[in-house]
Amino acid sequence: MTLHEGSNDTPQGDAEPLLSEEEFAEEVRALVADEAPQVFALVEEYGERLNGWIAAWGMAFDDHVEVVSVNGALRMTFDSIADVQRRFSRRGKIRLVWAAGGEPAFQRR
């Protein structure tokens, strides 16, 4: 998505700004808020609530999910949060925890 639909072209020459600095800053903030991925952690549990640690961090986008292990050795792309949970649950008890708390504002496939 761009600030102005259909305006992916880089301005050429001495084109005049379409917005004031304040208006443009607000448009940029709104764009980032609308497009920001939802951040989550995959917390591996040891024993029956004896201990736990973050095994990986993830970002859920509208059309895919990116996961990176804490040590950076593993990077994976998934189609959905459900795919992430299936894959990582093979390691043991894994909790998916949304960084902002609660569930994401959107539903994943």
Protein backbone atom coordinates (compact mmCIF):
# COMPACT_ATOMS: atom_id res chain seq x y z
CA MET A 1 0.00 0.00 0.00
CA THR A 2 1.15 3.52 -0.70
CA LEU A 3 0.09 6.83 0.79
CA HIS A 4 -1.80 7.69 -2.38
CA GLU A 5 -3.20 4.79 -4.36
CA GLY A 6 -1.59 4.50 -7.75
CA SER A 7 1.34 6.74 -6.84
CA ASN A 8 4.17 4.20 -6.70
CA ASP A 9 6.23 6.22 -9.14
CA THR A 10 9.15 8.16 -7.72
CA PRO A 11 8.59 11.90 -8.24
CA GLN A 12 10.78 13.34 -10.96
CA GLY A 13 12.56 16.67 -11.10
CA ASP A 14 11.16 19.58 -9.13
CA ALA A 15 7.72 18.16 -8.32
CA GLU A 16 5.89 20.12 -5.62
CA PRO A 17 4.95 18.29 -2.41
CA LEU A 18 1.32 17.16 -2.32
CA LEU A 19 1.02 17.61 1.46
CA SER A 20 2.48 19.76 4.20
CA GLU A 21 5.15 18.19 6.43
CA GLU A 22 2.58 17.67 9.21
CA GLU A 23 -0.01 16.14 6.85
CA PHE A 24 2.58 13.84 5.31
CA ALA A 25 3.86 12.75 8.76
CA GLU A 26 0.28 11.88 9.78
CA GLU A 27 -0.28 9.94 6.56
CA VAL A 28 2.96 8.01 7.15
CA ARG A 29 1.95 7.20 10.77
CA ALA A 30 -1.44 5.93 9.57
CA LEU A 31 0.20 3.83 6.86
CA VAL A 32 2.58 2.22 9.35
CA ALA A 33 -0.24 1.58 11.85
CA ASP A 34 -2.36 -0.08 9.13
CA GLU A 35 0.45 -2.20 7.69
CA ALA A 36 2.39 -3.17 10.86
CA PRO A 37 2.79 -6.90 11.43
CA GLN A 38 1.61 -8.45 14.69
CA VAL A 39 4.60 -9.54 16.79
CA PHE A 40 4.57 -12.73 18.84
CA ALA A 41 6.94 -14.99 20.74
CA LEU A 42 7.10 -18.77 20.79
CA VAL A 43 7.76 -19.68 24.41
CA GLU A 44 9.04 -23.19 25.07
CA GLU A 45 7.85 -24.61 28.37
CA TYR A 46 10.01 -26.94 30.43
CA GLY A 47 8.21 -29.40 32.69
CA GLU A 48 4.77 -28.58 34.03
CA ARG A 49 5.11 -24.78 34.31
CA LEU A 50 8.55 -25.20 35.90
CA ASN A 51 10.40 -22.91 33.51
CA GLY A 52 10.12 -21.37 30.09
CA TRP A 53 12.12 -19.37 27.60
CA ILE A 54 11.57 -17.61 24.32
CA ALA A 55 12.58 -19.96 21.52
CA ALA A 56 11.67 -17.67 18.61
CA TRP A 57 10.10 -14.39 17.61
CA GLY A 58 7.58 -13.98 14.83
CA MET A 59 5.77 -11.40 12.78
CA ALA A 60 2.33 -12.12 11.38
CA PHE A 61 1.55 -10.23 8.18
CA ASP A 62 -1.76 -10.27 6.31
CA ASP A 63 -0.60 -12.97 3.89
CA HIS A 64 2.22 -14.86 5.69
CA VAL A 65 4.14 -15.33 8.92
CA GLU A 66 7.89 -14.94 9.48
CA VAL A 67 9.65 -16.68 12.39
CA VAL A 68 13.26 -16.31 13.56
CA SER A 69 14.85 -18.25 16.40
CA VAL A 70 16.35 -16.25 19.25
CA ASN A 71 19.87 -17.31 18.28
CA GLY A 72 19.21 -16.41 14.64
CA ALA A 73 20.07 -19.89 13.37
CA LEU A 74 16.52 -20.61 12.15
CA ARG A 75 14.42 -18.46 9.84
CA MET A 76 11.16 -19.75 8.44
CA THR A 77 8.16 -18.49 6.49
CA PHE A 78 4.69 -19.94 7.00
CA ASP A 79 1.29 -19.42 5.44
CA SER A 80 -0.50 -19.08 8.78
CA ILE A 81 -0.22 -18.96 12.55
CA ALA A 82 -1.77 -22.44 12.67
CA ASP A 83 1.13 -23.73 10.55
CA VAL A 84 3.62 -22.15 12.98
CA GLN A 85 1.93 -23.75 15.97
CA ARG A 86 1.84 -27.20 14.30
CA ARG A 87 5.50 -27.03 13.34
CA PHE A 88 6.82 -25.81 16.68
CA SER A 89 4.58 -28.03 18.82
CA ARG A 90 6.67 -30.97 17.60
CA ARG A 91 9.51 -29.66 19.81
CA GLY A 92 7.45 -29.93 22.97
CA LYS A 93 5.06 -27.62 24.74
CA ILE A 94 5.13 -24.27 22.97
CA ARG A 95 3.03 -21.24 23.86
CA LEU A 96 2.36 -18.59 21.26
CA VAL A 97 2.25 -15.24 23.06
CA TRP A 98 1.23 -12.04 21.27
CA ALA A 99 3.59 -9.22 22.23
CA ALA A 100 0.78 -6.68 22.41
CA GLY A 101 -1.29 -9.01 24.59
CA GLY A 102 -4.47 -10.82 23.65
CA GLU A 103 -5.23 -12.09 20.19
CA PRO A 104 -4.33 -10.34 16.94
CA ALA A 105 -6.81 -7.85 15.53
CA PHE A 106 -7.14 -9.92 12.35
CA GLN A 107 -7.75 -13.58 11.70
CA ARG A 108 -5.13 -15.69 9.99
CA ARG A 109 -5.84 -18.56 7.63
